[in-house]
C-alpha atoms as a PDB file:
ATOM      1  CA  MET A   1      51.196  -5.242  38.958  1.00  0.00           C
ATOM      2  CA  ASP A   2      47.891  -4.313  40.353  1.00  0.00           C
ATOM      3  CA  GLY A   3      48.187  -0.660  39.326  1.00  0.00           C
ATOM      4  CA  GLY A   4      49.464  -1.535  35.838  1.00  0.00           C
ATOM      5  CA  GLY A   5      46.800  -4.204  35.440  1.00  0.00           C
ATOM      6  CA  GLY A   6      44.027  -1.845  36.511  1.00  0.00           C
ATOM      7  CA  VAL A   7      45.072   0.758  33.978  1.00  0.00           C
ATOM      8  CA  ASP A   8      45.226  -1.816  31.144  1.00  0.00           C
ATOM      9  CA  ALA A   9      41.819  -3.136  32.076  1.00  0.00           C
ATOM     10  CA  VAL A  10      40.339   0.381  31.997  1.00  0.00           C
ATOM     11  CA  ASP A  11      42.027   1.015  28.619  1.00  0.00           C
ATOM     12  CA  LEU A  12      40.797  -2.246  27.315  1.00  0.00           C
ATOM     13  CA  ARG A  13      37.260  -1.524  28.411  1.00  0.00           C
ATOM     14  CA  ARG A  14      37.413   1.905  26.729  1.00  0.00           C
ATOM     15  CA  SER A  15      38.896   0.442  23.551  1.00  0.00           C
ATOM     16  CA  MET A  16      36.244  -2.257  23.478  1.00  0.00           C
ATOM     17  CA  ALA A  17      33.395   0.343  24.121  1.00  0.00           C
ATOM     18  CA  ALA A  18      34.801   2.496  21.275  1.00  0.00           C
ATOM     19  CA  GLN A  19      34.943  -0.527  18.947  1.00  0.00           C
ATOM     20  CA  ARG A  20      31.415  -1.514  19.915  1.00  0.00           C
ATOM     21  CA  LEU A  21      30.194   2.030  19.096  1.00  0.00           C
ATOM     22  CA  ALA A  22      32.046   1.904  15.750  1.00  0.00           C
ATOM     23  CA  PHE A  23      30.521  -1.467  14.867  1.00  0.00           C
ATOM     24  CA  GLU A  24      27.077  -0.252  15.846  1.00  0.00           C
ATOM     25  CA  ARG A  25      27.505   2.698  13.611  1.00  0.00           C
ATOM     26  CA  GLN A  26      28.607   0.395  10.788  1.00  0.00           C
ATOM     27  CA  ILE A  27      25.665  -1.849  11.374  1.00  0.00           C
ATOM     28  CA  ALA A  28      23.248   1.107  11.419  1.00  0.00           C
ATOM     29  CA  ASP A  29      24.814   2.537   8.217  1.00  0.00           C
ATOM     30  CA  GLY A  30      24.566  -0.971   6.539  1.00  0.00           C
ATOM     31  CA  ARG A  31      20.916  -1.112   7.600  1.00  0.00           C
ATOM     32  CA  GLU A  32      20.249   2.338   6.089  1.00  0.00           C
ATOM     33  CA  ARG A  33      22.013   1.335   2.818  1.00  0.00           C
ATOM     34  CA  THR A  34      20.031  -1.887   2.685  1.00  0.00           C
ATOM     35  CA  LYS A  35      16.860   0.072   3.274  1.00  0.00           C
ATOM     36  CA  ALA A  36      17.794   2.615   0.510  1.00  0.00           C
ATOM     37  CA  SER A  37      18.749  -0.291  -1.909  1.00  0.00           C
ATOM     38  CA  THR A  38      15.538  -2.135  -1.211  1.00  0.00           C
ATOM     39  CA  SER A  39      13.450   1.032  -1.818  1.00  0.00           C
ATOM     40  CA  ALA A  40      15.370   1.717  -5.085  1.00  0.00           C
ATOM     41  CA  PHE A  41      14.950  -1.806  -6.207  1.00  0.00           C
ATOM     42  CA  SER A  42      11.277  -1.732  -5.513  1.00  0.00           C
ATOM     43  CA  ALA A  43      10.878   1.513  -7.447  1.00  0.00           C
ATOM     44  CA  SER A  44      12.824  -0.163 -10.343  1.00  0.00           C
ATOM     45  CA  LEU A  45      10.470  -3.116 -10.275  1.00  0.00           C
ATOM     46  CA  LEU A  46       7.519  -0.820 -10.431  1.00  0.00           C
ATOM     47  CA  SER A  47       8.922   1.130 -13.396  1.00  0.00           C
ATOM     48  CA  ALA A  48       9.762  -2.191 -15.222  1.00  0.00           C
ATOM     49  CA  ARG A  49       6.284  -3.420 -14.556  1.00  0.00           C
ATOM     50  CA  SER A  50       4.843  -0.147 -15.948  1.00  0.00           C
ATOM     51  CA  LEU A  51       6.975  -0.353 -19.044  1.00  0.00           C
ATOM     52  CA  ALA A  52       5.975  -4.008 -19.523  1.00  0.00           C
ATOM     53  CA  ASN A  53       2.291  -3.037 -19.333  1.00  0.00           C
ATOM     54  CA  HIS A  54       2.786  -0.246 -21.763  1.00  0.00           C
ATOM     55  CA  THR A  55       4.612  -2.588 -24.100  1.00  0.00           C
ATOM     56  CA  ILE A  56       1.787  -5.150 -23.957  1.00  0.00           C
ATOM     57  CA  SER A  57      -0.734  -2.349 -24.549  1.00  0.00           C
ATOM     58  CA  HIS A  58       1.189  -0.996 -27.566  1.00  0.00           C
ATOM     59  CA  ARG A  59       1.611  -4.550 -28.920  1.00  0.00           C
ATOM     60  CA  GLU A  60      -2.194  -5.058 -28.782  1.00  0.00           C
ATOM     61  CA  LYS A  61      -2.742  -1.734 -30.520  1.00  0.00           C
ATOM     62  CA  LEU A  62      -0.186  -2.634 -33.194  1.00  0.00           C
ATOM     63  CA  LYS A  63      -1.978  -5.973 -33.765  1.00  0.00           C
ATOM     64  CA  GLU A  64      -5.332  -4.200 -34.128  1.00  0.00           C
ATOM     65  CA  LEU A  65      -3.777  -1.651 -36.496  1.00  0.00           C
ATOM     66  CA  LYS A  66      -2.197  -4.395 -38.583  1.00  0.00           C
ATOM     67  CA  ASP A  67      -5.532  -6.291 -38.736  1.00  0.00           C
ATOM     68  CA  ARG A  68      -7.220  -2.999 -39.811  1.00  0.00           C
ATOM     69  CA  LEU A  69      -4.619  -2.364 -42.470  1.00  0.00           C
ATOM     70  CA  ARG A  70      -4.991  -5.849 -43.910  1.00  0.00           C
ATOM     71  CA  LYS A  71      -8.750  -5.328 -44.120  1.00  0.00           C
ATOM     72  CA  LEU A  72      -8.311  -1.969 -45.763  1.00  0.00           C
ATOM     73  CA  GLU A  73      -5.788  -3.514 -48.236  1.00  0.00           C
ATOM     74  CA  ALA A  74      -8.194  -6.301 -49.061  1.00  0.00           C
ATOM     75  CA  ASP A  75     -10.991  -3.739 -49.611  1.00  0.00           C
ATOM     76  CA  LEU A  76      -8.799  -1.592 -51.748  1.00  0.00           C
ATOM     77  CA  ALA A  77      -7.673  -4.624 -53.795  1.00  0.00           C
ATOM     78  CA  GLU A  78     -11.304  -5.579 -54.325  1.00  0.00           C
ATOM     79  CA  ALA A  79     -12.253  -2.081 -55.342  1.00  0.00           C
ATOM     80  CA  LEU A  80      -9.283  -1.873 -57.739  1.00  0.00           C
ATOM     81  CA  SER A  81     -10.167  -5.234 -59.282  1.00  0.00           C
ATOM     82  CA  ARG A  82     -13.571  -3.810 -60.107  1.00  0.00           C
ATOM     83  CA  ILE A  83     -12.294  -0.531 -61.515  1.00  0.00           C
ATOM     84  CA  LEU A  84      -9.030  -1.504 -63.287  1.00  0.00           C
ATOM     85  CA  PRO A  85      -8.441  -4.145 -65.992  1.00  0.00           C
ATOM     86  CA  SER A  86      -6.844  -7.207 -64.349  1.00  0.00           C
ATOM     87  CA  SER A  87      -3.530  -6.634 -66.231  1.00  0.00           C
ATOM     88  CA  SER A  88      -2.893  -3.251 -64.594  1.00  0.00           C
ATOM     89  CA  PHE A  89      -2.373  -4.497 -61.002  1.00  0.00           C
ATOM     90  CA  CYS A  90      -1.046  -7.523 -59.218  1.00  0.00           C
ATOM     91  CA  LEU A  91      -2.436  -8.869 -55.919  1.00  0.00           C
ATOM     92  CA  ASP A  92       0.148 -10.593 -53.784  1.00  0.00           C
ATOM     93  CA  THR A  93      -2.165 -12.708 -51.575  1.00  0.00           C
ATOM     94  CA  SER A  94       0.681 -14.768 -49.929  1.00  0.00           C
ATOM     95  CA  HIS A  95       1.765 -11.643 -48.009  1.00  0.00           C
ATOM     96  CA  ASN A  96      -1.690 -10.008 -48.051  1.00  0.00           C
ATOM     97  CA  ARG A  97      -0.228  -6.976 -49.848  1.00  0.00           C
ATOM     98  CA  PHE A  98      -1.029  -5.422 -53.034  1.00  0.00           C
ATOM     99  CA  ILE A  99       1.146  -3.797 -55.684  1.00  0.00           C
ATOM    100  CA  THR A 100      -0.492  -1.389 -58.031  1.00  0.00           C
ATOM    101  CA  THR A 101       1.048  -0.328 -61.331  1.00  0.00           C
ATOM    102  CA  PHE A 102      -0.553   2.430 -63.377  1.00  0.00           C
ATOM    103  CA  PHE A 103       0.551   3.062 -66.823  1.00  0.00           C
ATOM    104  CA  VAL A 104       0.089   6.738 -67.678  1.00  0.00           C
ATOM    105  CA  ASN A 105       0.180   7.379 -71.414  1.00  0.00           C
END
């Protein structure tokens, strides 16, 4: 019994040591994957933040351009009202747009 039990104990220790090393490798691999995932996620957040900032910037530019267009339309409508007879164009003030109709004879 003693000889058989001793061999089994040695085998058991070797098996447990091998399992421990395998588990330690799995844990280390898991930590590396977590680290890589965290890094990728952080990069994605930075990219999303940058896109959001660009979107906000473009939205502000678009608003400024729309305001500028409205003013130019109003200026053009005023200029046309001075130049053309009132029956030759229609000013759609509800949408701040103008529609010009010219009759060429």
